Amino acid sequence: MHASPSAPTVIDVAGLASQLRLSVFRLSRKLRRQAESGITQTQLAALSTVERHGPLTAGDLAAHEQIQKPTCTGVIATLLDEGFIERTPDPLDGRVAWLQISPAGRRVLQQVRKRHTAYLARRMSRLDPGELETLARATEILERLTEREADEPAPRVRS
């Protein structure tokens, strides 16, 4: 008598997506608690975007962050007041100003990232080698999930 081949595993993609969303949300919340940077998550996200994509205009920042322009104006004002970003007028068009990260802004981001990395490293040090290998592979997959697809429209901001 022959053993029947095992049936392929069926994955509940919607259920897995729900679990993944909840896990990522919880991890994000735990990391926010580690930041102790003195600025809000919205300001921290905007500062990271200015670092990554700057110099950029206020409109570009609002589009990247997918926030309304008035909200972005408030975020920019706080980041300027704290000295985390700098505003430079466009030499060709006086109506345009360019935002870029300042040395103080870079230091804040470095401190937050260092705390986040230390927190994750402490938690991950408790995992066994097989779990770490699985996590390394999952990280590659998550990177692919977060890449923008070529046919995906760019973020739009309502005025």
N, C-alpha and C. Protein backbone atom coordinates (compact mmCIF):
# COMPACT_ATOMS: atom_id res chain seq x y z
N MET A 1 0.83 -1.16 0.00
CA MET A 1 0.00 0.00 0.00
C MET A 1 0.89 1.24 0.00
N HIS A 2 0.57 2.16 -0.88
CA HIS A 2 1.34 3.39 -1.02
C HIS A 2 0.75 4.48 -0.15
N ALA A 3 1.62 5.23 0.45
CA ALA A 3 1.16 6.38 1.23
C ALA A 3 0.73 7.47 0.26
N SER A 4 -0.38 8.10 0.53
CA SER A 4 -0.84 9.16 -0.36
C SER A 4 0.03 10.40 -0.16
N PRO A 5 0.33 11.07 -1.26
CA PRO A 5 1.14 12.28 -1.12
C PRO A 5 0.38 13.30 -0.27
N SER A 6 1.13 13.99 0.52
CA SER A 6 0.47 14.97 1.39
C SER A 6 -0.06 16.12 0.55
N ALA A 7 -1.20 16.62 0.95
CA ALA A 7 -1.82 17.73 0.25
C ALA A 7 -0.99 19.00 0.48
N PRO A 8 -0.93 19.85 -0.53
CA PRO A 8 -0.18 21.10 -0.33
C PRO A 8 -0.82 21.93 0.77
N THR A 9 0.02 22.63 1.49
CA THR A 9 -0.45 23.49 2.57
C THR A 9 -1.18 24.68 1.96
N VAL A 10 -2.36 24.94 2.48
CA VAL A 10 -3.14 26.09 2.03
C VAL A 10 -2.98 27.19 3.07
N ILE A 11 -2.55 28.34 2.60
CA ILE A 11 -2.31 29.48 3.49
C ILE A 11 -3.49 30.43 3.40
N ASP A 12 -4.01 30.82 4.53
CA ASP A 12 -5.05 31.85 4.60
C ASP A 12 -4.35 33.20 4.51
N VAL A 13 -4.23 33.74 3.30
CA VAL A 13 -3.48 34.97 3.07
C VAL A 13 -4.10 36.14 3.83
N ALA A 14 -5.41 36.25 3.82
CA ALA A 14 -6.06 37.35 4.55
C ALA A 14 -5.80 37.23 6.05
N GLY A 15 -5.86 36.04 6.59
CA GLY A 15 -5.59 35.84 8.01
C GLY A 15 -4.15 36.16 8.35
N LEU A 16 -3.23 35.70 7.48
CA LEU A 16 -1.81 36.00 7.69
C LEU A 16 -1.56 37.51 7.60
N ALA A 17 -2.21 38.17 6.65
CA ALA A 17 -2.06 39.61 6.51
C ALA A 17 -2.54 40.32 7.78
N SER A 18 -3.63 39.84 8.34
CA SER A 18 -4.15 40.43 9.57
C SER A 18 -3.18 40.25 10.73
N GLN A 19 -2.62 39.05 10.87
CA GLN A 19 -1.64 38.79 11.93
C GLN A 19 -0.40 39.65 11.74
N LEU A 20 0.08 39.74 10.51
CA LEU A 20 1.27 40.53 10.22
C LEU A 20 1.03 42.00 10.54
N ARG A 21 -0.12 42.53 10.13
CA ARG A 21 -0.47 43.92 10.39
C ARG A 21 -0.46 44.20 11.89
N LEU A 22 -1.06 43.31 12.67
CA LEU A 22 -1.13 43.50 14.11
C LEU A 22 0.27 43.41 14.74
N SER A 23 1.08 42.47 14.29
CA SER A 23 2.43 42.33 14.83
C SER A 23 3.29 43.54 14.51
N VAL A 24 3.20 44.03 13.29
CA VAL A 24 3.97 45.22 12.90
C VAL A 24 3.50 46.42 13.70
N PHE A 25 2.19 46.56 13.90
CA PHE A 25 1.65 47.66 14.69
C PHE A 25 2.18 47.61 16.12
N ARG A 26 2.16 46.43 16.73
CA ARG A 26 2.65 46.29 18.11
C ARG A 26 4.13 46.59 18.21
N LEU A 27 4.91 46.09 17.25
CA LEU A 27 6.35 46.36 17.25
C LEU A 27 6.60 47.86 17.08
N SER A 28 5.86 48.48 16.19
CA SER A 28 6.01 49.93 15.98
C SER A 28 5.70 50.69 17.26
N ARG A 29 4.66 50.29 17.96
CA ARG A 29 4.29 50.96 19.21
C ARG A 29 5.39 50.78 20.26
N LYS A 30 5.97 49.58 20.35
CA LYS A 30 7.05 49.34 21.31
C LYS A 30 8.28 50.18 20.94
N LEU A 31 8.58 50.30 19.67
CA LEU A 31 9.72 51.11 19.24
C LEU A 31 9.49 52.59 19.53
N ARG A 32 8.26 53.06 19.34
CA ARG A 32 7.96 54.46 19.65
C ARG A 32 8.24 54.76 21.11
N ARG A 33 7.94 53.81 21.98
CA ARG A 33 8.19 54.01 23.41
C ARG A 33 9.69 54.10 23.71
N GLN A 34 10.51 53.52 22.86
CA GLN A 34 11.96 53.53 23.07
C GLN A 34 12.60 54.83 22.61
N ALA A 35 11.91 55.60 21.77
CA ALA A 35 12.51 56.75 21.10
C ALA A 35 12.99 57.83 22.07
N GLU A 36 12.15 58.28 22.99
CA GLU A 36 12.51 59.32 23.95
C GLU A 36 13.21 60.50 23.28
N SER A 37 12.69 60.93 22.14
CA SER A 37 13.36 61.99 21.38
C SER A 37 12.82 63.38 21.65
N GLY A 38 11.66 63.47 22.30
CA GLY A 38 11.08 64.77 22.58
C GLY A 38 10.28 65.35 21.44
N ILE A 39 10.16 64.62 20.32
CA ILE A 39 9.32 65.08 19.22
C ILE A 39 8.30 64.00 18.90
N THR A 40 7.21 64.40 18.25
CA THR A 40 6.14 63.46 17.95
C THR A 40 6.54 62.49 16.84
N GLN A 41 5.77 61.43 16.70
CA GLN A 41 6.03 60.47 15.63
C GLN A 41 5.86 61.11 14.26
N THR A 42 4.89 62.00 14.12
CA THR A 42 4.68 62.70 12.85
C THR A 42 5.90 63.55 12.51
N GLN A 43 6.42 64.26 13.51
CA GLN A 43 7.61 65.08 13.29
C GLN A 43 8.83 64.21 12.98
N LEU A 44 8.94 63.09 13.68
CA LEU A 44 10.06 62.17 13.46
C LEU A 44 10.00 61.58 12.05
N ALA A 45 8.80 61.21 11.60
CA ALA A 45 8.64 60.67 10.24
C ALA A 45 9.00 61.73 9.20
N ALA A 46 8.53 62.96 9.42
CA ALA A 46 8.83 64.05 8.49
C ALA A 46 10.33 64.32 8.45
N LEU A 47 10.96 64.32 9.60
CA LEU A 47 12.41 64.55 9.67
C LEU A 47 13.17 63.46 8.91
N SER A 48 12.74 62.23 9.06
CA SER A 48 13.36 61.12 8.32
C SER A 48 13.20 61.30 6.82
N THR A 49 12.03 61.76 6.41
CA THR A 49 11.77 61.99 4.98
C THR A 49 12.66 63.11 4.45
N VAL A 50 12.80 64.19 5.22
CA VAL A 50 13.68 65.29 4.80
C VAL A 50 15.11 64.78 4.67
N GLU A 51 15.53 63.93 5.62
CA GLU A 51 16.88 63.38 5.54
C GLU A 51 17.04 62.52 4.28
N ARG A 52 16.07 61.66 4.02
CA ARG A 52 16.17 60.70 2.93
C ARG A 52 16.00 61.34 1.56
N HIS A 53 15.06 62.31 1.44
CA HIS A 53 14.70 62.83 0.13
C HIS A 53 15.07 64.30 -0.09
N GLY A 54 15.61 64.94 0.94
CA GLY A 54 15.87 66.37 0.85
C GLY A 54 17.09 66.70 0.02
N PRO A 55 17.24 67.97 -0.30
CA PRO A 55 16.29 69.04 -0.02
C PRO A 55 15.00 68.85 -0.82
N LEU A 56 13.88 69.28 -0.18
CA LEU A 56 12.58 69.19 -0.82
C LEU A 56 11.70 70.33 -0.34
N THR A 57 10.63 70.57 -1.08
CA THR A 57 9.71 71.65 -0.73
C THR A 57 8.69 71.14 0.29
N ALA A 58 7.96 72.07 0.87
CA ALA A 58 6.91 71.70 1.82
C ALA A 58 5.86 70.83 1.14
N GLY A 59 5.51 71.15 -0.09
CA GLY A 59 4.55 70.33 -0.84
C GLY A 59 5.05 68.93 -1.07
N ASP A 60 6.35 68.80 -1.40
CA ASP A 60 6.94 67.47 -1.59
C ASP A 60 6.89 66.68 -0.29
N LEU A 61 7.19 67.34 0.82
CA LEU A 61 7.16 66.67 2.11
C LEU A 61 5.75 66.19 2.44
N ALA A 62 4.75 67.05 2.21
CA ALA A 62 3.36 66.67 2.47
C ALA A 62 2.98 65.45 1.62
N ALA A 63 3.41 65.43 0.36
CA ALA A 63 3.10 64.29 -0.52
C ALA A 63 3.77 63.02 -0.03
N HIS A 64 5.04 63.10 0.34
CA HIS A 64 5.74 61.92 0.85
C HIS A 64 5.09 61.38 2.12
N GLU A 65 4.69 62.28 3.01
CA GLU A 65 4.12 61.87 4.29
C GLU A 65 2.62 61.59 4.21
N GLN A 66 2.04 61.91 3.06
CA GLN A 66 0.60 61.72 2.84
C GLN A 66 -0.22 62.43 3.92
N ILE A 67 0.13 63.68 4.16
CA ILE A 67 -0.59 64.51 5.11
C ILE A 67 -1.04 65.78 4.41
N GLN A 68 -2.05 66.43 4.96
CA GLN A 68 -2.56 67.67 4.39
C GLN A 68 -1.52 68.78 4.53
N LYS A 69 -1.54 69.72 3.61
CA LYS A 69 -0.55 70.81 3.64
C LYS A 69 -0.60 71.63 4.93
N PRO A 70 -1.78 71.96 5.47
CA PRO A 70 -1.79 72.70 6.75
C PRO A 70 -1.12 71.93 7.89
N THR A 71 -1.33 70.62 7.93
CA THR A 71 -0.68 69.79 8.95
C THR A 71 0.82 69.82 8.75
N CYS A 72 1.23 69.72 7.49
CA CYS A 72 2.66 69.72 7.17
C CYS A 72 3.30 71.06 7.55
N THR A 73 2.57 72.15 7.35
CA THR A 73 3.07 73.47 7.71
C THR A 73 3.39 73.53 9.21
N GLY A 74 2.50 72.99 10.03
CA GLY A 74 2.74 72.96 11.47
C GLY A 74 3.93 72.12 11.86
N VAL A 75 4.06 70.96 11.21
CA VAL A 75 5.20 70.06 11.46
C VAL A 75 6.50 70.77 11.10
N ILE A 76 6.51 71.40 9.94
CA ILE A 76 7.71 72.11 9.48
C ILE A 76 8.07 73.23 10.46
N ALA A 77 7.08 73.97 10.91
CA ALA A 77 7.33 75.08 11.84
C ALA A 77 8.00 74.57 13.11
N THR A 78 7.50 73.45 13.65
CA THR A 78 8.10 72.89 14.87
C THR A 78 9.53 72.42 14.60
N LEU A 79 9.75 71.72 13.49
CA LEU A 79 11.09 71.23 13.17
C LEU A 79 12.07 72.39 12.96
N LEU A 80 11.58 73.48 12.37
CA LEU A 80 12.42 74.68 12.20
C LEU A 80 12.73 75.30 13.56
N ASP A 81 11.70 75.43 14.41
CA ASP A 81 11.88 76.03 15.74
C ASP A 81 12.88 75.24 16.58
N GLU A 82 12.83 73.92 16.46
CA GLU A 82 13.74 73.06 17.22
C GLU A 82 15.14 73.00 16.62
N GLY A 83 15.29 73.54 15.41
CA GLY A 83 16.58 73.53 14.74
C GLY A 83 16.92 72.20 14.08
N PHE A 84 15.88 71.36 13.83
CA PHE A 84 16.12 70.05 13.23
C PHE A 84 16.17 70.08 11.71
N ILE A 85 15.59 71.12 11.12
CA ILE A 85 15.68 71.30 9.67
C ILE A 85 16.02 72.76 9.40
N GLU A 86 16.46 73.00 8.17
CA GLU A 86 16.79 74.35 7.72
C GLU A 86 16.00 74.65 6.46
N ARG A 87 15.60 75.91 6.32
CA ARG A 87 14.86 76.34 5.12
C ARG A 87 15.75 77.28 4.33
N THR A 88 15.90 76.99 3.04
CA THR A 88 16.73 77.81 2.15
C THR A 88 15.88 78.29 0.99
N PRO A 89 15.85 79.61 0.73
CA PRO A 89 15.06 80.10 -0.40
C PRO A 89 15.67 79.64 -1.73
N ASP A 90 14.81 79.37 -2.70
CA ASP A 90 15.27 78.98 -4.03
C ASP A 90 15.87 80.22 -4.70
N PRO A 91 17.09 80.12 -5.22
CA PRO A 91 17.73 81.30 -5.82
C PRO A 91 17.04 81.79 -7.10
N LEU A 92 16.27 80.91 -7.76
CA LEU A 92 15.62 81.30 -9.01
C LEU A 92 14.15 81.66 -8.84
N ASP A 93 13.52 81.17 -7.76
CA ASP A 93 12.10 81.43 -7.55
C ASP A 93 11.87 81.73 -6.07
N GLY A 94 11.69 83.00 -5.75
CA GLY A 94 11.55 83.42 -4.37
C GLY A 94 10.33 82.86 -3.66
N ARG A 95 9.37 82.31 -4.42
CA ARG A 95 8.19 81.72 -3.81
C ARG A 95 8.46 80.32 -3.26
N VAL A 96 9.58 79.73 -3.62
CA VAL A 96 9.91 78.35 -3.25
C VAL A 96 11.00 78.34 -2.18
N ALA A 97 10.81 77.49 -1.19
CA ALA A 97 11.84 77.29 -0.16
C ALA A 97 12.16 75.80 -0.10
N TRP A 98 13.42 75.51 0.10
CA TRP A 98 13.89 74.12 0.17
C TRP A 98 14.19 73.76 1.62
N LEU A 99 13.75 72.59 2.02
CA LEU A 99 13.97 72.09 3.37
C LEU A 99 15.05 71.03 3.34
N GLN A 100 15.96 71.12 4.31
CA GLN A 100 16.99 70.08 4.45
C GLN A 100 17.26 69.86 5.92
N ILE A 101 17.77 68.70 6.23
CA ILE A 101 18.04 68.34 7.63
C ILE A 101 19.25 69.12 8.13
N SER A 102 19.21 69.47 9.39
CA SER A 102 20.34 70.17 10.03
C SER A 102 21.18 69.15 10.79
N PRO A 103 22.37 69.55 11.23
CA PRO A 103 23.17 68.64 12.05
C PRO A 103 22.42 68.18 13.32
N ALA A 104 21.66 69.07 13.94
CA ALA A 104 20.88 68.68 15.14
C ALA A 104 19.82 67.65 14.78
N GLY A 105 19.19 67.80 13.63
CA GLY A 105 18.20 66.84 13.17
C GLY A 105 18.81 65.47 12.92
N ARG A 106 20.01 65.46 12.33
CA ARG A 106 20.71 64.19 12.11
C ARG A 106 21.02 63.50 13.43
N ARG A 107 21.43 64.29 14.43
CA ARG A 107 21.75 63.71 15.74
C ARG A 107 20.51 63.09 16.38
N VAL A 108 19.38 63.76 16.28
CA VAL A 108 18.14 63.21 16.84
C VAL A 108 17.80 61.89 16.17
N LEU A 109 17.87 61.86 14.85
CA LEU A 109 17.56 60.61 14.14
C LEU A 109 18.53 59.50 14.51
N GLN A 110 19.81 59.84 14.62
CA GLN A 110 20.80 58.83 15.00
C GLN A 110 20.51 58.27 16.39
N GLN A 111 20.14 59.15 17.33
CA GLN A 111 19.82 58.70 18.69
C GLN A 111 18.61 57.77 18.70
N VAL A 112 17.57 58.17 17.98
CA VAL A 112 16.35 57.35 17.94
C VAL A 112 16.65 56.00 17.30
N ARG A 113 17.36 56.00 16.20
CA ARG A 113 17.70 54.75 15.51
C ARG A 113 18.56 53.86 16.39
N LYS A 114 19.49 54.46 17.12
CA LYS A 114 20.35 53.69 18.01
C LYS A 114 19.52 53.01 19.10
N ARG A 115 18.58 53.74 19.69
CA ARG A 115 17.70 53.15 20.71
C ARG A 115 16.84 52.03 20.14
N HIS A 116 16.28 52.28 18.95
CA HIS A 116 15.45 51.25 18.31
C HIS A 116 16.26 49.99 18.03
N THR A 117 17.45 50.17 17.49
CA THR A 117 18.30 49.03 17.15
C THR A 117 18.71 48.27 18.41
N ALA A 118 19.08 49.00 19.46
CA ALA A 118 19.48 48.34 20.72
C ALA A 118 18.32 47.54 21.31
N TYR A 119 17.12 48.12 21.27
CA TYR A 119 15.94 47.42 21.79
C TYR A 119 15.71 46.12 21.01
N LEU A 120 15.71 46.23 19.66
CA LEU A 120 15.49 45.03 18.85
C LEU A 120 16.60 44.00 19.04
N ALA A 121 17.83 44.46 19.11
CA ALA A 121 18.96 43.53 19.29
C ALA A 121 18.84 42.78 20.62
N ARG A 122 18.44 43.48 21.69
CA ARG A 122 18.23 42.79 22.98
C ARG A 122 17.16 41.72 22.86
N ARG A 123 16.04 42.06 22.21
CA ARG A 123 14.95 41.10 22.06
C ARG A 123 15.38 39.94 21.17
N MET A 124 16.08 40.24 20.09
CA MET A 124 16.48 39.20 19.14
C MET A 124 17.55 38.28 19.71
N SER A 125 18.35 38.78 20.65
CA SER A 125 19.43 37.95 21.23
C SER A 125 18.85 36.74 21.98
N ARG A 126 17.58 36.79 22.29
CA ARG A 126 16.92 35.67 22.99
C ARG A 126 16.44 34.58 22.03
N LEU A 127 16.53 34.84 20.73
CA LEU A 127 16.06 33.88 19.75
C LEU A 127 17.13 32.84 19.46
N ASP A 128 16.70 31.66 19.03
CA ASP A 128 17.69 30.64 18.66
C ASP A 128 18.14 30.88 17.22
N PRO A 129 19.25 30.25 16.79
CA PRO A 129 19.79 30.51 15.45
C PRO A 129 18.78 30.26 14.33
N GLY A 130 17.96 29.24 14.46
CA GLY A 130 16.95 28.97 13.43
C GLY A 130 15.94 30.09 13.32
N GLU A 131 15.53 30.62 14.46
CA GLU A 131 14.58 31.74 14.45
C GLU A 131 15.22 32.99 13.84
N LEU A 132 16.51 33.20 14.13
CA LEU A 132 17.21 34.34 13.55
C LEU A 132 17.32 34.21 12.03
N GLU A 133 17.57 32.99 11.55
CA GLU A 133 17.61 32.76 10.10
C GLU A 133 16.25 33.03 9.47
N THR A 134 15.19 32.57 10.12
CA THR A 134 13.84 32.82 9.63
C THR A 134 13.54 34.31 9.61
N LEU A 135 13.95 35.02 10.64
CA LEU A 135 13.74 36.46 10.72
C LEU A 135 14.53 37.18 9.63
N ALA A 136 15.73 36.72 9.34
CA ALA A 136 16.52 37.33 8.27
C ALA A 136 15.81 37.18 6.93
N ARG A 137 15.26 36.02 6.68
CA ARG A 137 14.52 35.79 5.42
C ARG A 137 13.24 36.63 5.41
N ALA A 138 12.54 36.68 6.53
CA ALA A 138 11.32 37.47 6.61
C ALA A 138 11.61 38.95 6.37
N THR A 139 12.75 39.43 6.83
CA THR A 139 13.12 40.83 6.63
C THR A 139 13.27 41.13 5.14
N GLU A 140 13.89 40.20 4.41
CA GLU A 140 14.01 40.37 2.96
C GLU A 140 12.63 40.44 2.30
N ILE A 141 11.73 39.59 2.74
CA ILE A 141 10.39 39.56 2.18
C ILE A 141 9.64 40.85 2.52
N LEU A 142 9.77 41.31 3.76
CA LEU A 142 9.12 42.57 4.15
C LEU A 142 9.64 43.74 3.33
N GLU A 143 10.92 43.75 3.03
CA GLU A 143 11.49 44.80 2.18
C GLU A 143 10.80 44.79 0.81
N ARG A 144 10.58 43.61 0.25
CA ARG A 144 9.90 43.52 -1.04
C ARG A 144 8.46 44.00 -0.93
N LEU A 145 7.79 43.69 0.18
CA LEU A 145 6.41 44.13 0.37
C LEU A 145 6.30 45.65 0.45
N THR A 146 7.32 46.30 0.96
CA THR A 146 7.25 47.75 1.15
C THR A 146 7.76 48.54 -0.05
N GLU A 147 8.32 47.86 -1.04
CA GLU A 147 8.76 48.57 -2.24
C GLU A 147 7.54 48.98 -3.05
N ARG A 148 7.59 50.19 -3.60
CA ARG A 148 6.49 50.66 -4.44
C ARG A 148 6.55 49.96 -5.78
N GLU A 149 5.41 49.47 -6.22
CA GLU A 149 5.34 48.81 -7.52
C GLU A 149 5.31 49.85 -8.62
N ALA A 150 5.82 49.49 -9.80
CA ALA A 150 5.91 50.43 -10.91
C ALA A 150 4.54 50.97 -11.31
N ASP A 151 3.50 50.16 -11.21
CA ASP A 151 2.17 50.60 -11.63
C ASP A 151 1.37 51.24 -10.49
N GLU A 152 1.97 51.34 -9.32
CA GLU A 152 1.31 51.94 -8.16
C GLU A 152 1.42 53.46 -8.27
N PRO A 153 0.31 54.17 -8.13
CA PRO A 153 0.39 55.64 -8.25
C PRO A 153 1.17 56.26 -7.10
N ALA A 154 1.78 57.39 -7.38
CA ALA A 154 2.51 58.13 -6.35
C ALA A 154 1.50 58.68 -5.36
N PRO A 155 1.92 58.86 -4.10
CA PRO A 155 0.99 59.42 -3.11
C PRO A 155 0.51 60.80 -3.52
N ARG A 156 -0.77 61.07 -3.25
CA ARG A 156 -1.35 62.38 -3.57
C ARG A 156 -1.81 63.03 -2.27
N VAL A 157 -1.72 64.32 -2.25
CA VAL A 157 -2.13 65.08 -1.09
C VAL A 157 -3.28 65.99 -1.49
N ARG A 158 -4.32 65.99 -0.65
CA ARG A 158 -5.44 66.91 -0.89
C ARG A 158 -5.09 68.29 -0.37
N SER A 159 -5.44 69.30 -1.11
CA SER A 159 -5.17 70.69 -0.68
C SER A 159 -6.22 71.16 0.28
